[in-house]
Structure formats: structure tokens, C-alpha cells
Amino acid sequence: MKPRVSLQDSTLRHGNFSLRIDPVRSEDVALYEAQVKYKTEVHSCHVELGVITVTLSPPKPVIANEMLLMSCNSSHRASLVEICWFHNEHLGPPSRSFCSLSGALSILHPAMSDAGSWRCQLRYSDKEIISATFNLQILGFDGPTNPVVYAAAGSAAD
């Protein structure tokens, strides 16, 4: 897993034996064990790493007005009960151009206003709630719908 894995040597002296994985990949899903030996004592802990992924179809770049499908999946083993989508922390879908298809979010005509932070929240039968945030970037123009712009002589026009 090198060079994605690191231990912070400076924190080891203070009892912090954290393992850092950056970036996390789907294949990193596993049960991890840490063992610390001090003199004659051995201490261990187990941590299970689960992974949640947000995928785009078609893959990046997202172009304005071209249909987009965002899906969210997790390695959690329980039965999935519900998927909710939040755009800039508001429950989606917020307009008529959005529809939900079995947990995936379909944006029929993505606009520049659809860009930004999207969070999918997965709720499972064992009451576990898992979420992931994805920053959606859209290539396009965010301007007037009318292609004619009037500006006063001597002023600036955008």
C-alpha cells in the first residue's frame, strides 16, 4: 500500500499509533490489527475499514445539459433501506430536472447551479447510517438565457 500508508512518528511517543491511508481505495476494505509491544506487554486493537464510493456516469468531465447519473455504494454488509441525496446540505432532488432511480440520482439536464457539494446518505437495516460527500464540477456557461446583453456606453459588460 506504499506510498499511501503512513504512521506519524512524532505521535508514537504520545501513545497515538494511528495508521493513515490516503487516498483510500475500494480494495482497502479489510479488518486491520494494530499491535503495540511495550516491555513484556502486548496490546492490540482491531479496526474494520469500510469504503463508500460515489461514481458518475458518464465519468468526468460533466458537461452542462448532458444527462448525468450519480450513484453511491458502500461495503457495508447489511441490507440497504434508503438512499438520500443532499445538495449543498439541502434534501434533493430540488428541481424538476432531477429524478431518483433506485438510489442513483439522475440529473437529466445538469446546469451550473447543480455544481457543488453533493452528499449521499445510506441507511441500513442494522440502523447504520453512512454518508459520503462529492464535489460535482460542471463544464458550461452560467449566463443569461437571452444571448443579447445591453450595457450603457462607458460601462463594463460581462
N, C-alpha and C. Protein backbone atom coordinates (compact mmCIF):
# COMPACT_ATOMS: atom_id res chain seq x y z
N MET A 1 0.82 -1.20 0.00
CA MET A 1 0.00 0.00 0.00
C MET A 1 0.86 1.27 0.00
N LYS A 2 2.17 1.10 0.02
CA LYS A 2 3.03 2.29 -0.03
C LYS A 2 2.87 2.94 -1.39
N PRO A 3 2.94 4.23 -1.50
CA PRO A 3 3.21 5.26 -0.50
C PRO A 3 1.95 5.85 0.13
N ARG A 4 0.81 5.17 0.02
CA ARG A 4 -0.45 5.71 0.53
C ARG A 4 -0.61 5.56 2.05
N VAL A 5 0.25 4.78 2.69
CA VAL A 5 0.10 4.48 4.11
C VAL A 5 1.24 5.13 4.89
N SER A 6 0.88 5.71 6.04
CA SER A 6 1.91 6.33 6.87
C SER A 6 1.56 6.23 8.35
N LEU A 7 2.59 6.25 9.17
CA LEU A 7 2.48 6.39 10.63
C LEU A 7 3.15 7.71 10.98
N GLN A 8 2.58 8.41 11.92
CA GLN A 8 3.18 9.67 12.35
C GLN A 8 4.15 9.39 13.49
N ASP A 9 5.43 9.34 13.17
CA ASP A 9 6.44 9.02 14.17
C ASP A 9 6.39 9.94 15.38
N SER A 10 6.09 11.22 15.16
CA SER A 10 6.08 12.18 16.27
C SER A 10 4.97 11.87 17.27
N THR A 11 3.88 11.26 16.85
CA THR A 11 2.78 10.97 17.77
C THR A 11 2.94 9.62 18.46
N LEU A 12 3.83 8.77 17.98
CA LEU A 12 4.04 7.46 18.60
C LEU A 12 4.47 7.59 20.06
N ARG A 13 5.32 8.58 20.34
CA ARG A 13 5.81 8.78 21.71
C ARG A 13 4.69 9.17 22.68
N HIS A 14 3.59 9.71 22.13
CA HIS A 14 2.45 10.15 22.95
C HIS A 14 1.33 9.11 22.97
N GLY A 15 1.60 7.93 22.45
CA GLY A 15 0.61 6.85 22.51
C GLY A 15 -0.37 6.82 21.35
N ASN A 16 -0.13 7.61 20.30
CA ASN A 16 -1.01 7.60 19.14
C ASN A 16 -0.38 6.71 18.07
N PHE A 17 -1.01 5.57 17.82
CA PHE A 17 -0.48 4.60 16.87
C PHE A 17 -1.35 4.54 15.62
N SER A 18 -1.90 5.67 15.23
CA SER A 18 -2.83 5.72 14.11
C SER A 18 -2.14 5.41 12.78
N LEU A 19 -2.88 4.72 11.94
CA LEU A 19 -2.45 4.42 10.58
C LEU A 19 -3.23 5.34 9.66
N ARG A 20 -2.54 5.98 8.74
CA ARG A 20 -3.20 6.90 7.80
C ARG A 20 -3.11 6.30 6.40
N ILE A 21 -4.26 6.20 5.72
CA ILE A 21 -4.32 5.72 4.34
C ILE A 21 -4.87 6.85 3.50
N ASP A 22 -4.09 7.33 2.53
CA ASP A 22 -4.53 8.45 1.71
C ASP A 22 -3.95 8.32 0.30
N PRO A 23 -4.78 8.14 -0.69
CA PRO A 23 -6.23 8.05 -0.66
C PRO A 23 -6.69 6.61 -0.40
N VAL A 24 -7.88 6.48 0.17
CA VAL A 24 -8.48 5.16 0.41
C VAL A 24 -9.04 4.65 -0.90
N ARG A 25 -8.86 3.35 -1.15
CA ARG A 25 -9.39 2.70 -2.35
C ARG A 25 -10.34 1.59 -1.94
N SER A 26 -11.17 1.18 -2.87
CA SER A 26 -12.15 0.12 -2.60
C SER A 26 -11.47 -1.15 -2.12
N GLU A 27 -10.33 -1.47 -2.65
CA GLU A 27 -9.63 -2.70 -2.25
C GLU A 27 -9.01 -2.64 -0.85
N ASP A 28 -9.08 -1.48 -0.19
CA ASP A 28 -8.56 -1.34 1.17
C ASP A 28 -9.55 -1.85 2.22
N VAL A 29 -10.75 -2.22 1.83
CA VAL A 29 -11.75 -2.76 2.76
C VAL A 29 -11.15 -3.99 3.42
N ALA A 30 -11.07 -3.96 4.75
CA ALA A 30 -10.47 -5.09 5.47
C ALA A 30 -10.57 -4.85 6.97
N LEU A 31 -10.23 -5.89 7.72
CA LEU A 31 -10.08 -5.79 9.17
C LEU A 31 -8.60 -5.57 9.45
N TYR A 32 -8.27 -4.47 10.08
CA TYR A 32 -6.88 -4.12 10.36
C TYR A 32 -6.59 -4.39 11.84
N GLU A 33 -5.38 -4.83 12.13
CA GLU A 33 -4.96 -5.08 13.51
C GLU A 33 -3.70 -4.29 13.79
N ALA A 34 -3.69 -3.64 14.94
CA ALA A 34 -2.50 -2.93 15.41
C ALA A 34 -2.00 -3.63 16.67
N GLN A 35 -0.71 -3.85 16.74
CA GLN A 35 -0.10 -4.44 17.94
C GLN A 35 0.98 -3.50 18.45
N VAL A 36 0.93 -3.26 19.74
CA VAL A 36 1.92 -2.41 20.38
C VAL A 36 2.60 -3.24 21.46
N LYS A 37 3.92 -3.34 21.37
CA LYS A 37 4.70 -4.08 22.37
C LYS A 37 5.46 -3.07 23.22
N TYR A 38 5.25 -3.19 24.52
CA TYR A 38 5.95 -2.32 25.46
C TYR A 38 6.49 -3.20 26.58
N LYS A 39 7.81 -3.30 26.62
CA LYS A 39 8.50 -4.21 27.56
C LYS A 39 7.95 -5.62 27.36
N THR A 40 7.26 -6.18 28.35
CA THR A 40 6.75 -7.54 28.20
C THR A 40 5.27 -7.58 27.83
N GLU A 41 4.64 -6.42 27.74
CA GLU A 41 3.22 -6.37 27.43
C GLU A 41 2.97 -6.20 25.93
N VAL A 42 1.89 -6.83 25.47
CA VAL A 42 1.46 -6.68 24.08
C VAL A 42 -0.01 -6.26 24.10
N HIS A 43 -0.28 -5.12 23.48
CA HIS A 43 -1.65 -4.62 23.35
C HIS A 43 -2.01 -4.62 21.88
N SER A 44 -3.29 -4.94 21.62
CA SER A 44 -3.72 -4.93 20.21
C SER A 44 -5.14 -4.37 20.11
N CYS A 45 -5.43 -3.87 18.93
CA CYS A 45 -6.79 -3.42 18.64
C CYS A 45 -7.12 -3.78 17.20
N HIS A 46 -8.41 -3.93 16.93
CA HIS A 46 -8.87 -4.25 15.60
C HIS A 46 -9.78 -3.13 15.11
N VAL A 47 -9.59 -2.74 13.86
CA VAL A 47 -10.42 -1.71 13.24
C VAL A 47 -10.84 -2.22 11.87
N GLU A 48 -12.16 -2.17 11.64
CA GLU A 48 -12.65 -2.56 10.32
C GLU A 48 -12.81 -1.31 9.47
N LEU A 49 -12.22 -1.34 8.29
CA LEU A 49 -12.33 -0.22 7.37
C LEU A 49 -13.36 -0.54 6.31
N GLY A 50 -14.39 0.28 6.25
CA GLY A 50 -15.40 0.18 5.19
C GLY A 50 -15.19 1.34 4.24
N VAL A 51 -15.64 1.17 3.01
CA VAL A 51 -15.44 2.20 2.00
C VAL A 51 -16.78 2.52 1.33
N ILE A 52 -17.00 3.80 1.10
CA ILE A 52 -18.17 4.25 0.37
C ILE A 52 -17.68 4.99 -0.87
N THR A 53 -18.32 4.75 -2.01
CA THR A 53 -17.89 5.38 -3.26
C THR A 53 -19.05 6.10 -3.92
N VAL A 54 -18.74 7.24 -4.51
CA VAL A 54 -19.70 7.97 -5.33
C VAL A 54 -19.13 7.92 -6.75
N THR A 55 -19.95 7.44 -7.70
CA THR A 55 -19.48 7.34 -9.08
C THR A 55 -20.38 8.15 -10.00
N LEU A 56 -19.80 8.60 -11.08
CA LEU A 56 -20.50 9.38 -12.09
C LEU A 56 -20.58 8.58 -13.37
N SER A 57 -21.72 8.67 -14.05
CA SER A 57 -21.85 8.05 -15.36
C SER A 57 -22.54 9.06 -16.28
N PRO A 58 -21.92 9.50 -17.35
CA PRO A 58 -20.57 9.13 -17.76
C PRO A 58 -19.53 9.75 -16.83
N PRO A 59 -18.31 9.19 -16.83
CA PRO A 59 -17.27 9.73 -15.94
C PRO A 59 -16.94 11.18 -16.30
N LYS A 60 -16.16 11.81 -15.42
CA LYS A 60 -15.78 13.21 -15.60
C LYS A 60 -15.24 13.43 -17.00
N PRO A 61 -15.27 14.62 -17.58
CA PRO A 61 -15.92 15.82 -17.04
C PRO A 61 -17.42 15.81 -17.31
N VAL A 62 -18.17 16.44 -16.42
CA VAL A 62 -19.61 16.56 -16.58
C VAL A 62 -19.87 17.83 -17.38
N ILE A 63 -20.62 17.68 -18.46
CA ILE A 63 -20.90 18.80 -19.35
C ILE A 63 -22.35 19.24 -19.14
N ALA A 64 -22.57 20.54 -19.06
CA ALA A 64 -23.91 21.08 -18.88
C ALA A 64 -24.85 20.55 -19.95
N ASN A 65 -26.07 20.22 -19.53
CA ASN A 65 -27.16 19.74 -20.40
C ASN A 65 -26.98 18.32 -20.91
N GLU A 66 -25.93 17.60 -20.51
CA GLU A 66 -25.77 16.19 -20.88
C GLU A 66 -26.12 15.33 -19.68
N MET A 67 -27.03 14.39 -19.83
CA MET A 67 -27.55 13.58 -18.72
C MET A 67 -26.42 13.01 -17.86
N LEU A 68 -26.66 13.01 -16.56
CA LEU A 68 -25.68 12.54 -15.59
C LEU A 68 -26.36 11.61 -14.60
N LEU A 69 -25.68 10.53 -14.24
CA LEU A 69 -26.18 9.61 -13.23
C LEU A 69 -25.12 9.51 -12.13
N MET A 70 -25.50 9.85 -10.89
CA MET A 70 -24.60 9.71 -9.75
C MET A 70 -25.10 8.55 -8.91
N SER A 71 -24.19 7.65 -8.56
CA SER A 71 -24.58 6.53 -7.70
C SER A 71 -23.65 6.45 -6.51
N CYS A 72 -24.15 5.81 -5.46
CA CYS A 72 -23.45 5.74 -4.19
C CYS A 72 -23.51 4.30 -3.70
N ASN A 73 -22.36 3.73 -3.37
CA ASN A 73 -22.29 2.35 -2.89
C ASN A 73 -21.35 2.25 -1.70
N SER A 74 -21.62 1.26 -0.86
CA SER A 74 -20.80 1.06 0.34
C SER A 74 -20.47 -0.41 0.49
N SER A 75 -19.41 -0.67 1.23
CA SER A 75 -19.01 -2.05 1.51
C SER A 75 -19.76 -2.63 2.70
N HIS A 76 -20.67 -1.86 3.30
CA HIS A 76 -21.42 -2.32 4.48
C HIS A 76 -22.24 -3.55 4.11
N ARG A 77 -22.30 -4.54 5.01
CA ARG A 77 -22.90 -5.84 4.69
C ARG A 77 -24.40 -5.94 4.93
N ALA A 78 -24.99 -5.04 5.70
CA ALA A 78 -26.43 -5.12 5.99
C ALA A 78 -27.25 -4.71 4.77
N SER A 79 -28.56 -4.95 4.84
CA SER A 79 -29.45 -4.60 3.74
C SER A 79 -29.66 -3.09 3.68
N LEU A 80 -29.56 -2.55 2.48
CA LEU A 80 -29.77 -1.13 2.28
C LEU A 80 -31.27 -0.82 2.35
N VAL A 81 -31.63 0.18 3.16
CA VAL A 81 -33.02 0.56 3.35
C VAL A 81 -33.36 1.80 2.53
N GLU A 82 -32.45 2.79 2.51
CA GLU A 82 -32.78 4.07 1.90
C GLU A 82 -31.51 4.82 1.51
N ILE A 83 -31.59 5.53 0.38
CA ILE A 83 -30.52 6.44 -0.02
C ILE A 83 -31.13 7.83 -0.18
N CYS A 84 -30.53 8.83 0.48
CA CYS A 84 -30.97 10.21 0.35
C CYS A 84 -29.83 11.02 -0.23
N TRP A 85 -30.18 11.99 -1.07
CA TRP A 85 -29.19 12.88 -1.68
C TRP A 85 -29.40 14.30 -1.17
N PHE A 86 -28.31 14.96 -0.82
CA PHE A 86 -28.35 16.34 -0.35
C PHE A 86 -27.43 17.18 -1.23
N HIS A 87 -27.96 18.32 -1.70
CA HIS A 87 -27.15 19.24 -2.50
C HIS A 87 -26.90 20.48 -1.66
N ASN A 88 -25.66 20.76 -1.41
CA ASN A 88 -25.28 21.87 -0.54
C ASN A 88 -26.07 21.82 0.77
N GLU A 89 -26.22 20.59 1.30
CA GLU A 89 -26.89 20.28 2.56
C GLU A 89 -28.39 20.54 2.57
N HIS A 90 -29.02 20.48 1.41
CA HIS A 90 -30.48 20.53 1.32
C HIS A 90 -30.94 19.23 0.68
N LEU A 91 -32.02 18.65 1.19
CA LEU A 91 -32.52 17.40 0.66
C LEU A 91 -32.84 17.56 -0.82
N GLY A 92 -32.30 16.67 -1.65
CA GLY A 92 -32.55 16.71 -3.11
C GLY A 92 -33.53 15.63 -3.46
N PRO A 93 -34.06 15.55 -4.62
CA PRO A 93 -33.77 16.47 -5.72
C PRO A 93 -34.57 17.77 -5.63
N PRO A 94 -33.88 18.92 -5.82
CA PRO A 94 -34.55 20.20 -5.60
C PRO A 94 -35.32 20.77 -6.79
N SER A 95 -35.23 20.21 -7.98
CA SER A 95 -35.97 20.79 -9.09
C SER A 95 -36.50 19.69 -10.01
N ARG A 96 -37.29 20.08 -10.99
CA ARG A 96 -37.95 19.12 -11.87
C ARG A 96 -36.97 18.35 -12.75
N SER A 97 -35.74 18.82 -12.91
CA SER A 97 -34.79 18.14 -13.78
C SER A 97 -34.07 16.98 -13.07
N PHE A 98 -34.47 16.66 -11.84
CA PHE A 98 -33.85 15.59 -11.08
C PHE A 98 -34.85 14.47 -10.87
N CYS A 99 -34.36 13.24 -10.88
CA CYS A 99 -35.21 12.12 -10.50
C CYS A 99 -34.35 11.05 -9.86
N SER A 100 -34.92 10.30 -8.95
CA SER A 100 -34.19 9.26 -8.24
C SER A 100 -34.54 7.90 -8.84
N LEU A 101 -33.53 7.13 -9.22
CA LEU A 101 -33.72 5.81 -9.80
C LEU A 101 -33.01 4.78 -8.92
N SER A 102 -33.77 4.09 -8.11
CA SER A 102 -33.26 3.03 -7.22
C SER A 102 -31.98 3.44 -6.49
N GLY A 103 -32.00 4.59 -5.91
CA GLY A 103 -30.86 5.04 -5.12
C GLY A 103 -29.89 5.91 -5.89
N ALA A 104 -29.83 5.74 -7.20
CA ALA A 104 -28.98 6.60 -8.00
C ALA A 104 -29.72 7.91 -8.25
N LEU A 105 -28.98 8.95 -8.48
CA LEU A 105 -29.57 10.26 -8.75
C LEU A 105 -29.33 10.59 -10.21
N SER A 106 -30.40 10.79 -10.93
CA SER A 106 -30.32 11.13 -12.35
C SER A 106 -30.58 12.61 -12.52
N ILE A 107 -29.66 13.30 -13.13
CA ILE A 107 -29.84 14.72 -13.45
C ILE A 107 -29.96 14.80 -14.96
N LEU A 108 -31.16 15.06 -15.44
CA LEU A 108 -31.44 14.99 -16.87
C LEU A 108 -30.74 16.08 -17.67
N HIS A 109 -30.76 17.30 -17.15
CA HIS A 109 -30.12 18.43 -17.84
C HIS A 109 -29.29 19.21 -16.82
N PRO A 110 -28.09 18.71 -16.46
CA PRO A 110 -27.31 19.41 -15.43
C PRO A 110 -27.00 20.85 -15.85
N ALA A 111 -27.16 21.74 -14.88
CA ALA A 111 -26.86 23.16 -15.08
C ALA A 111 -25.75 23.56 -14.11
N MET A 112 -25.22 24.74 -14.31
CA MET A 112 -24.16 25.22 -13.43
C MET A 112 -24.63 25.28 -11.98
N SER A 113 -25.93 25.50 -11.76
CA SER A 113 -26.47 25.55 -10.39
C SER A 113 -26.45 24.18 -9.71
N ASP A 114 -26.26 23.10 -10.47
CA ASP A 114 -26.18 21.76 -9.90
C ASP A 114 -24.77 21.44 -9.39
N ALA A 115 -23.81 22.28 -9.72
CA ALA A 115 -22.44 22.07 -9.25
C ALA A 115 -22.38 22.30 -7.75
N GLY A 116 -21.36 21.76 -7.13
CA GLY A 116 -21.16 21.97 -5.70
C GLY A 116 -21.15 20.68 -4.93
N SER A 117 -21.36 20.79 -3.65
CA SER A 117 -21.26 19.66 -2.74
C SER A 117 -22.53 18.81 -2.77
N TRP A 118 -22.36 17.51 -3.07
CA TRP A 118 -23.45 16.54 -3.03
C TRP A 118 -23.09 15.51 -1.97
N ARG A 119 -24.06 15.16 -1.15
CA ARG A 119 -23.83 14.13 -0.13
C ARG A 119 -24.88 13.04 -0.30
N CYS A 120 -24.39 11.80 -0.39
CA CYS A 120 -25.32 10.69 -0.39
C CYS A 120 -25.29 10.07 1.00
N GLN A 121 -26.46 9.75 1.50
CA GLN A 121 -26.58 9.15 2.84
C GLN A 121 -27.28 7.80 2.70
N LEU A 122 -26.60 6.74 3.14
CA LEU A 122 -27.14 5.40 3.05
C LEU A 122 -27.58 4.94 4.43
N ARG A 123 -28.82 4.45 4.52
CA ARG A 123 -29.35 3.94 5.79
C ARG A 123 -29.59 2.44 5.61
N TYR A 124 -29.10 1.66 6.59
CA TYR A 124 -29.14 0.20 6.51
C TYR A 124 -30.09 -0.40 7.54
N SER A 125 -30.44 -1.67 7.32
CA SER A 125 -31.38 -2.37 8.19
C SER A 125 -30.87 -2.51 9.61
N ASP A 126 -29.54 -2.47 9.83
CA ASP A 126 -28.98 -2.56 11.18
C ASP A 126 -28.86 -1.19 11.84
N LYS A 127 -29.56 -0.18 11.29
CA LYS A 127 -29.61 1.20 11.81
C LYS A 127 -28.34 2.00 11.53
N GLU A 128 -27.38 1.42 10.83
CA GLU A 128 -26.15 2.13 10.49
C GLU A 128 -26.46 3.17 9.41
N ILE A 129 -25.91 4.38 9.57
CA ILE A 129 -26.06 5.44 8.58
C ILE A 129 -24.66 5.86 8.14
N ILE A 130 -24.44 5.79 6.85
CA ILE A 130 -23.12 6.08 6.28
C ILE A 130 -23.32 7.15 5.21
N SER A 131 -22.40 8.11 5.13
CA SER A 131 -22.54 9.12 4.10
C SER A 131 -21.18 9.47 3.48
N ALA A 132 -21.25 10.00 2.28
CA ALA A 132 -20.05 10.46 1.57
C ALA A 132 -20.39 11.75 0.85
N THR A 133 -19.41 12.61 0.74
CA THR A 133 -19.59 13.89 0.06
C THR A 133 -18.77 13.90 -1.22
N PHE A 134 -19.36 14.45 -2.26
CA PHE A 134 -18.71 14.52 -3.56
C PHE A 134 -18.87 15.93 -4.10
N ASN A 135 -17.78 16.51 -4.59
CA ASN A 135 -17.84 17.86 -5.15
C ASN A 135 -18.03 17.75 -6.66
N LEU A 136 -19.23 18.07 -7.12
CA LEU A 136 -19.58 17.97 -8.53
C LEU A 136 -19.17 19.24 -9.26
N GLN A 137 -18.38 19.06 -10.31
CA GLN A 137 -17.98 20.18 -11.15
C GLN A 137 -18.61 20.00 -12.52
N ILE A 138 -19.16 21.06 -13.05
CA ILE A 138 -19.85 21.01 -14.33
C ILE A 138 -19.21 22.02 -15.28
N LEU A 139 -18.92 21.57 -16.49
CA LEU A 139 -18.37 22.46 -17.51
C LEU A 139 -19.54 23.06 -18.30
N GLY A 140 -19.57 24.37 -18.38
CA GLY A 140 -20.64 25.03 -19.11
C GLY A 140 -20.61 26.51 -18.86
N PHE A 141 -21.67 27.17 -19.29
CA PHE A 141 -21.77 28.62 -19.13
C PHE A 141 -22.89 28.93 -18.16
N ASP A 142 -22.64 29.92 -17.31
CA ASP A 142 -23.65 30.37 -16.36
C ASP A 142 -23.94 31.84 -16.65
N GLY A 143 -24.78 32.06 -17.60
CA GLY A 143 -25.06 33.43 -18.01
C GLY A 143 -26.52 33.61 -18.32
N PRO A 144 -26.84 34.71 -18.97
CA PRO A 144 -28.24 34.98 -19.28
C PRO A 144 -28.77 33.99 -20.32
N THR A 145 -30.07 33.69 -20.21
CA THR A 145 -30.68 32.78 -21.18
C THR A 145 -30.88 33.49 -22.51
N ASN A 146 -31.02 34.81 -22.48
CA ASN A 146 -31.16 35.60 -23.69
C ASN A 146 -29.75 36.00 -24.15
N PRO A 147 -29.36 35.70 -25.40
CA PRO A 147 -27.99 35.99 -25.83
C PRO A 147 -27.71 37.46 -26.08
N VAL A 148 -28.70 38.33 -25.93
CA VAL A 148 -28.48 39.77 -26.12
C VAL A 148 -28.32 40.43 -24.76
N VAL A 149 -27.20 41.14 -24.58
CA VAL A 149 -26.94 41.85 -23.33
C VAL A 149 -26.78 43.33 -23.67
N TYR A 150 -27.47 44.20 -22.95
CA TYR A 150 -27.35 45.63 -23.16
C TYR A 150 -26.53 46.23 -22.02
N ALA A 151 -25.64 47.12 -22.40
CA ALA A 151 -24.82 47.81 -21.42
C ALA A 151 -24.76 49.28 -21.79
N ALA A 152 -24.71 50.12 -20.79
CA ALA A 152 -24.61 51.56 -21.03
C ALA A 152 -23.22 51.89 -21.58
N ALA A 153 -23.18 52.78 -22.50
CA ALA A 153 -21.89 53.23 -23.08
C ALA A 153 -21.02 53.74 -21.95
N GLY A 154 -19.80 53.32 -21.95
CA GLY A 154 -18.85 53.76 -20.94
C GLY A 154 -18.79 52.85 -19.70
N SER A 155 -19.73 51.87 -19.63
CA SER A 155 -19.71 50.95 -18.50
C SER A 155 -19.11 49.62 -18.93
N ALA A 156 -18.98 48.69 -17.99
CA ALA A 156 -18.42 47.36 -18.28
C ALA A 156 -19.57 46.41 -18.56
N ALA A 157 -19.32 45.41 -19.38
CA ALA A 157 -20.31 44.37 -19.66
C ALA A 157 -19.66 43.01 -19.48
N ASP A 158 -20.36 42.10 -18.78
CA ASP A 158 -19.88 40.72 -18.60
C ASP A 158 -20.78 39.79 -19.40
